[in-house]
Amino acid sequence: MLYGLLMEKITEVNSLKFTKIVLKAIKKVKKKFPYLGKNIIQFKYKYIKEFSCDSSKKRLVIFFIPISVLNSLRKIQLYILYELSKSVKDLYFAFCSIRSFIPRKFQKIRGIVSYNRSFKKINENVIRDIIFPSDITGKRVFFFHECVPKINIYIQDNRSFFSQERLNLMSGALKILLEKIIKFTVIRR
């Protein structure tokens, strides 16, 4: 299931190809919904990571973008993801913001104590960014004899946007990025 997940190195050709695909989807969404695309900042990304699994032919591409771009992109992100899923059948896309955490010791030295920059809060925000169209309804953390805790996250998906294959790829990607074992369970209403 999650075993054999690979993080592939993105070449310049692939990054240009992915960028062109996303920019085409943004243009289509702006044509369909002109009132949504007025305040959108130009799409910029810092990193692209591609994840693939041995058991499935589909791949997950995560764009790491600045927080300001992600905040402006949130208005049309759902429509962009629908356009991308229609146009490219063998790829799943996700957008995640680049965040940096400041250890508590240095927050006290600087005189800025903020829980938004803590390691736990940043991990939660990364998970929320990657599973964007859905909401987290619950979370369980299991501690076994192993060092790494296993986390069950329950997602409310009203739009039927996530398949189990997509969730498995996302949990494998989060295992590599956050070094935590995460399992997603979908709750449909």
C-alpha atoms as a PDB file:
ATOM      1  CA  MET A   1       0.000   0.000   0.000  1.00  0.00           C
ATOM      2  CA  LEU A   2       2.373   2.740   1.170  1.00  0.00           C
ATOM      3  CA  TYR A   3       5.517   0.731   0.735  1.00  0.00           C
ATOM      4  CA  GLY A   4       7.651   1.543  -2.250  1.00  0.00           C
ATOM      5  CA  LEU A   5       6.638   5.200  -2.371  1.00  0.00           C
ATOM      6  CA  LEU A   6       9.247   7.153  -4.261  1.00  0.00           C
ATOM      7  CA  MET A   7      10.020  10.831  -4.354  1.00  0.00           C
ATOM      8  CA  GLU A   8      11.205  11.504  -7.866  1.00  0.00           C
ATOM      9  CA  LYS A   9      13.622  14.240  -8.735  1.00  0.00           C
ATOM     10  CA  ILE A  10      11.999  16.870 -10.885  1.00  0.00           C
ATOM     11  CA  THR A  11      13.963  17.981 -13.902  1.00  0.00           C
ATOM     12  CA  GLU A  12      13.621  21.389 -15.530  1.00  0.00           C
ATOM     13  CA  VAL A  13      11.604  19.912 -18.409  1.00  0.00           C
ATOM     14  CA  ASN A  14       9.085  18.306 -16.051  1.00  0.00           C
ATOM     15  CA  SER A  15       8.765  21.435 -13.918  1.00  0.00           C
ATOM     16  CA  LEU A  16       8.038  23.515 -17.013  1.00  0.00           C
ATOM     17  CA  LYS A  17       5.499  20.936 -18.161  1.00  0.00           C
ATOM     18  CA  PHE A  18       3.712  20.951 -14.779  1.00  0.00           C
ATOM     19  CA  THR A  19       3.770  24.744 -14.639  1.00  0.00           C
ATOM     20  CA  LYS A  20       2.239  25.009 -18.110  1.00  0.00           C
ATOM     21  CA  ILE A  21      -0.518  22.574 -17.121  1.00  0.00           C
ATOM     22  CA  VAL A  22      -1.372  24.604 -14.011  1.00  0.00           C
ATOM     23  CA  LEU A  23      -1.283  27.928 -15.859  1.00  0.00           C
ATOM     24  CA  LYS A  24      -3.671  26.554 -18.512  1.00  0.00           C
ATOM     25  CA  ALA A  25      -6.046  25.437 -15.763  1.00  0.00           C
ATOM     26  CA  ILE A  26      -5.881  28.892 -14.125  1.00  0.00           C
ATOM     27  CA  LYS A  27      -6.709  30.550 -17.464  1.00  0.00           C
ATOM     28  CA  LYS A  28      -9.686  28.221 -17.988  1.00  0.00           C
ATOM     29  CA  VAL A  29     -11.003  28.965 -14.517  1.00  0.00           C
ATOM     30  CA  LYS A  30     -10.572  32.727 -15.009  1.00  0.00           C
ATOM     31  CA  LYS A  31     -12.555  32.482 -18.261  1.00  0.00           C
ATOM     32  CA  LYS A  32     -15.363  30.506 -16.636  1.00  0.00           C
ATOM     33  CA  PHE A  33     -15.504  32.617 -13.472  1.00  0.00           C
ATOM     34  CA  PRO A  34     -14.207  36.124 -14.262  1.00  0.00           C
ATOM     35  CA  TYR A  35     -15.350  37.514 -10.913  1.00  0.00           C
ATOM     36  CA  LEU A  36     -13.084  35.088  -9.022  1.00  0.00           C
ATOM     37  CA  GLY A  37      -9.834  35.835 -10.788  1.00  0.00           C
ATOM     38  CA  LYS A  38      -9.561  39.577 -10.173  1.00  0.00           C
ATOM     39  CA  ASN A  39      -7.294  39.617  -7.132  1.00  0.00           C
ATOM     40  CA  ILE A  40      -5.137  36.600  -7.939  1.00  0.00           C
ATOM     41  CA  ILE A  41      -1.410  37.114  -7.512  1.00  0.00           C
ATOM     42  CA  GLN A  42       0.767  35.723 -10.288  1.00  0.00           C
ATOM     43  CA  PHE A  43       1.379  31.986  -9.804  1.00  0.00           C
ATOM     44  CA  LYS A  44       4.908  31.418  -8.456  1.00  0.00           C
ATOM     45  CA  TYR A  45       6.335  28.275  -6.969  1.00  0.00           C
ATOM     46  CA  LYS A  46       9.527  27.522  -5.081  1.00  0.00           C
ATOM     47  CA  TYR A  47       9.683  23.729  -5.279  1.00  0.00           C
ATOM     48  CA  ILE A  48       7.873  20.895  -6.999  1.00  0.00           C
ATOM     49  CA  LYS A  49       7.911  17.354  -5.649  1.00  0.00           C
ATOM     50  CA  GLU A  50       6.523  14.356  -7.470  1.00  0.00           C
ATOM     51  CA  PHE A  51       5.496  11.228  -5.575  1.00  0.00           C
ATOM     52  CA  SER A  52       4.714   7.888  -7.157  1.00  0.00           C
ATOM     53  CA  CYS A  53       3.804   4.490  -5.781  1.00  0.00           C
ATOM     54  CA  ASP A  54       4.596   1.037  -7.131  1.00  0.00           C
ATOM     55  CA  SER A  55       1.037  -0.231  -6.742  1.00  0.00           C
ATOM     56  CA  SER A  56      -0.657   2.543  -8.746  1.00  0.00           C
ATOM     57  CA  LYS A  57       0.076   4.223 -12.044  1.00  0.00           C
ATOM     58  CA  LYS A  58      -1.002   7.640 -10.803  1.00  0.00           C
ATOM     59  CA  ARG A  59       1.379  10.179  -9.335  1.00  0.00           C
ATOM     60  CA  LEU A  60       1.023  13.068  -6.919  1.00  0.00           C
ATOM     61  CA  VAL A  61       2.610  16.429  -7.706  1.00  0.00           C
ATOM     62  CA  ILE A  62       2.895  18.936  -4.861  1.00  0.00           C
ATOM     63  CA  PHE A  63       3.660  22.591  -5.584  1.00  0.00           C
ATOM     64  CA  PHE A  64       5.314  24.418  -2.692  1.00  0.00           C
ATOM     65  CA  ILE A  65       4.376  28.077  -3.004  1.00  0.00           C
ATOM     66  CA  PRO A  66       4.706  31.189  -0.795  1.00  0.00           C
ATOM     67  CA  ILE A  67       1.920  31.827   1.717  1.00  0.00           C
ATOM     68  CA  SER A  68       0.809  35.075   0.049  1.00  0.00           C
ATOM     69  CA  VAL A  69       0.326  33.302  -3.296  1.00  0.00           C
ATOM     70  CA  LEU A  70      -1.537  30.437  -1.630  1.00  0.00           C
ATOM     71  CA  ASN A  71      -3.875  32.823   0.197  1.00  0.00           C
ATOM     72  CA  SER A  72      -4.804  34.537  -3.063  1.00  0.00           C
ATOM     73  CA  LEU A  73      -5.049  31.193  -4.866  1.00  0.00           C
ATOM     74  CA  ARG A  74      -7.471  29.776  -2.263  1.00  0.00           C
ATOM     75  CA  LYS A  75     -10.376  31.602  -3.911  1.00  0.00           C
ATOM     76  CA  ILE A  76     -10.116  29.532  -7.074  1.00  0.00           C
ATOM     77  CA  GLN A  77      -8.081  26.541  -5.892  1.00  0.00           C
ATOM     78  CA  LEU A  78     -11.030  24.138  -5.862  1.00  0.00           C
ATOM     79  CA  TYR A  79     -11.915  25.018  -9.446  1.00  0.00           C
ATOM     80  CA  ILE A  80      -8.263  24.707 -10.496  1.00  0.00           C
ATOM     81  CA  LEU A  81      -8.037  21.233  -8.949  1.00  0.00           C
ATOM     82  CA  TYR A  82     -11.205  20.157 -10.802  1.00  0.00           C
ATOM     83  CA  GLU A  83      -9.795  21.456 -14.094  1.00  0.00           C
ATOM     84  CA  LEU A  84      -6.486  19.692 -13.477  1.00  0.00           C
ATOM     85  CA  SER A  85      -8.220  16.398 -12.696  1.00  0.00           C
ATOM     86  CA  LYS A  86     -10.230  16.700 -15.922  1.00  0.00           C
ATOM     87  CA  SER A  87      -7.284  17.591 -18.144  1.00  0.00           C
ATOM     88  CA  VAL A  88      -4.611  15.241 -16.739  1.00  0.00           C
ATOM     89  CA  LYS A  89      -5.958  11.847 -15.735  1.00  0.00           C
ATOM     90  CA  ASP A  90      -2.784  10.181 -14.409  1.00  0.00           C
ATOM     91  CA  LEU A  91      -1.690  12.991 -12.053  1.00  0.00           C
ATOM     92  CA  TYR A  92      -3.022  14.353  -8.801  1.00  0.00           C
ATOM     93  CA  PHE A  93      -2.079  17.895  -7.862  1.00  0.00           C
ATOM     94  CA  ALA A  94      -1.813  19.603  -4.474  1.00  0.00           C
ATOM     95  CA  PHE A  95      -0.665  23.023  -3.342  1.00  0.00           C
ATOM     96  CA  CYS A  96       1.218  23.561  -0.094  1.00  0.00           C
ATOM     97  CA  SER A  97       2.645  26.737   1.394  1.00  0.00           C
ATOM     98  CA  ILE A  98       6.232  27.101   2.469  1.00  0.00           C
ATOM     99  CA  ARG A  99       6.445  27.598   6.206  1.00  0.00           C
ATOM    100  CA  SER A 100       9.357  27.819   8.579  1.00  0.00           C
ATOM    101  CA  PHE A 101       9.204  27.112  12.259  1.00  0.00           C
ATOM    102  CA  ILE A 102      11.034  28.942  14.991  1.00  0.00           C
ATOM    103  CA  PRO A 103      11.935  26.920  18.106  1.00  0.00           C
ATOM    104  CA  ARG A 104      10.380  28.112  21.348  1.00  0.00           C
ATOM    105  CA  LYS A 105      13.769  29.121  22.746  1.00  0.00           C
ATOM    106  CA  PHE A 106      14.425  31.570  19.910  1.00  0.00           C
ATOM    107  CA  GLN A 107      10.870  32.916  20.059  1.00  0.00           C
ATOM    108  CA  LYS A 108      11.498  33.900  23.671  1.00  0.00           C
ATOM    109  CA  ILE A 109      14.838  35.513  22.773  1.00  0.00           C
ATOM    110  CA  ARG A 110      13.245  37.549  19.992  1.00  0.00           C
ATOM    111  CA  GLY A 111      10.284  38.459  22.210  1.00  0.00           C
ATOM    112  CA  ILE A 112       7.759  37.097  19.716  1.00  0.00           C
ATOM    113  CA  VAL A 113       5.894  34.139  21.178  1.00  0.00           C
ATOM    114  CA  SER A 114       3.540  32.702  18.568  1.00  0.00           C
ATOM    115  CA  TYR A 115       2.057  29.253  18.341  1.00  0.00           C
ATOM    116  CA  ASN A 116       1.652  29.709  14.583  1.00  0.00           C
ATOM    117  CA  ARG A 117       5.398  29.177  14.186  1.00  0.00           C
ATOM    118  CA  SER A 118       5.569  26.062  16.382  1.00  0.00           C
ATOM    119  CA  PHE A 119       6.462  22.693  14.852  1.00  0.00           C
ATOM    120  CA  LYS A 120       3.094  21.110  15.668  1.00  0.00           C
ATOM    121  CA  LYS A 121       1.072  23.972  14.189  1.00  0.00           C
ATOM    122  CA  ILE A 122       3.135  23.971  10.991  1.00  0.00           C
ATOM    123  CA  ASN A 123       2.611  20.220  10.578  1.00  0.00           C
ATOM    124  CA  GLU A 124      -1.147  20.685  10.965  1.00  0.00           C
ATOM    125  CA  ASN A 125      -1.155  23.497   8.411  1.00  0.00           C
ATOM    126  CA  VAL A 126       0.812  21.397   5.904  1.00  0.00           C
ATOM    127  CA  ILE A 127      -1.718  18.575   6.255  1.00  0.00           C
ATOM    128  CA  ARG A 128      -4.607  21.039   5.793  1.00  0.00           C
ATOM    129  CA  ASP A 129      -2.948  22.528   2.707  1.00  0.00           C
ATOM    130  CA  ILE A 130      -2.475  19.155   1.036  1.00  0.00           C
ATOM    131  CA  ILE A 131      -6.056  17.957   1.650  1.00  0.00           C
ATOM    132  CA  PHE A 132      -7.533  21.379   0.869  1.00  0.00           C
ATOM    133  CA  PRO A 133     -11.053  20.840  -0.477  1.00  0.00           C
ATOM    134  CA  SER A 134     -11.910  18.723   2.560  1.00  0.00           C
ATOM    135  CA  ASP A 135     -12.101  19.470   6.249  1.00  0.00           C
ATOM    136  CA  ILE A 136     -10.493  17.557   9.094  1.00  0.00           C
ATOM    137  CA  THR A 137     -13.255  16.356  11.414  1.00  0.00           C
ATOM    138  CA  GLY A 138     -11.211  14.296  13.831  1.00  0.00           C
ATOM    139  CA  LYS A 139      -7.765  13.058  14.682  1.00  0.00           C
ATOM    140  CA  ARG A 140      -6.504  10.113  16.707  1.00  0.00           C
ATOM    141  CA  VAL A 141      -2.908   9.497  17.672  1.00  0.00           C
ATOM    142  CA  PHE A 142      -1.820   5.942  18.497  1.00  0.00           C
ATOM    143  CA  PHE A 143       1.385   5.326  20.410  1.00  0.00           C
ATOM    144  CA  PHE A 144       2.724   1.801  20.116  1.00  0.00           C
ATOM    145  CA  HIS A 145       6.072   0.312  21.110  1.00  0.00           C
ATOM    146  CA  GLU A 146       7.677   1.875  18.058  1.00  0.00           C
ATOM    147  CA  CYS A 147       9.160   5.354  18.138  1.00  0.00           C
ATOM    148  CA  VAL A 148       6.871   6.854  15.477  1.00  0.00           C
ATOM    149  CA  PRO A 149       3.236   7.494  16.467  1.00  0.00           C
ATOM    150  CA  LYS A 150       0.508   6.533  14.009  1.00  0.00           C
ATOM    151  CA  ILE A 151      -2.048   9.223  13.273  1.00  0.00           C
ATOM    152  CA  ASN A 152      -5.569   8.567  12.016  1.00  0.00           C
ATOM    153  CA  ILE A 153      -7.135  11.631  10.408  1.00  0.00           C
ATOM    154  CA  TYR A 154     -10.844  11.675   9.603  1.00  0.00           C
ATOM    155  CA  ILE A 155     -11.783  13.825   6.615  1.00  0.00           C
ATOM    156  CA  GLN A 156     -15.222  15.100   5.697  1.00  0.00           C
ATOM    157  CA  ASP A 157     -15.489  14.971   1.910  1.00  0.00           C
ATOM    158  CA  ASN A 158     -18.864  16.260   0.700  1.00  0.00           C
ATOM    159  CA  ARG A 159     -17.774  16.660  -2.930  1.00  0.00           C
ATOM    160  CA  SER A 160     -16.465  13.079  -3.382  1.00  0.00           C
ATOM    161  CA  PHE A 161     -13.174  14.589  -4.492  1.00  0.00           C
ATOM    162  CA  PHE A 162     -10.812  12.112  -2.834  1.00  0.00           C
ATOM    163  CA  SER A 163     -10.403   8.502  -3.897  1.00  0.00           C
ATOM    164  CA  GLN A 164      -8.626   6.001  -1.674  1.00  0.00           C
ATOM    165  CA  GLU A 165      -5.730   5.875  -4.146  1.00  0.00           C
ATOM    166  CA  ARG A 166      -5.257   9.633  -3.868  1.00  0.00           C
ATOM    167  CA  LEU A 167      -5.383   9.500  -0.064  1.00  0.00           C
ATOM    168  CA  ASN A 168      -2.792   6.704  -0.017  1.00  0.00           C
ATOM    169  CA  LEU A 169      -0.456   8.800  -2.170  1.00  0.00           C
ATOM    170  CA  MET A 170      -1.005  11.814   0.102  1.00  0.00           C
ATOM    171  CA  SER A 171      -0.335   9.816   3.263  1.00  0.00           C
ATOM    172  CA  GLY A 172       2.849   8.425   1.709  1.00  0.00           C
ATOM    173  CA  ALA A 173       3.959  11.912   0.716  1.00  0.00           C
ATOM    174  CA  LEU A 174       3.289  13.181   4.238  1.00  0.00           C
ATOM    175  CA  LYS A 175       5.239  10.222   5.610  1.00  0.00           C
ATOM    176  CA  ILE A 176       8.264  11.393   3.618  1.00  0.00           C
ATOM    177  CA  LEU A 177       7.774  15.122   4.269  1.00  0.00           C
ATOM    178  CA  LEU A 178       6.792  15.078   7.954  1.00  0.00           C
ATOM    179  CA  GLU A 179       8.284  11.707   8.957  1.00  0.00           C
ATOM    180  CA  LYS A 180       4.976  10.608  10.495  1.00  0.00           C
ATOM    181  CA  ILE A 181       2.731   7.671   9.655  1.00  0.00           C
ATOM    182  CA  ILE A 182      -0.636   9.147   8.695  1.00  0.00           C
ATOM    183  CA  LYS A 183      -3.749   7.252   7.628  1.00  0.00           C
ATOM    184  CA  PHE A 184      -6.754   9.057   6.174  1.00  0.00           C
ATOM    185  CA  THR A 185     -10.343   7.911   6.616  1.00  0.00           C
ATOM    186  CA  VAL A 186     -13.100   9.578   4.585  1.00  0.00           C
ATOM    187  CA  ILE A 187     -16.462  10.411   6.126  1.00  0.00           C
ATOM    188  CA  ARG A 188     -19.142  11.083   3.499  1.00  0.00           C
ATOM    189  CA  ARG A 189     -22.461  12.656   4.402  1.00  0.00           C
END
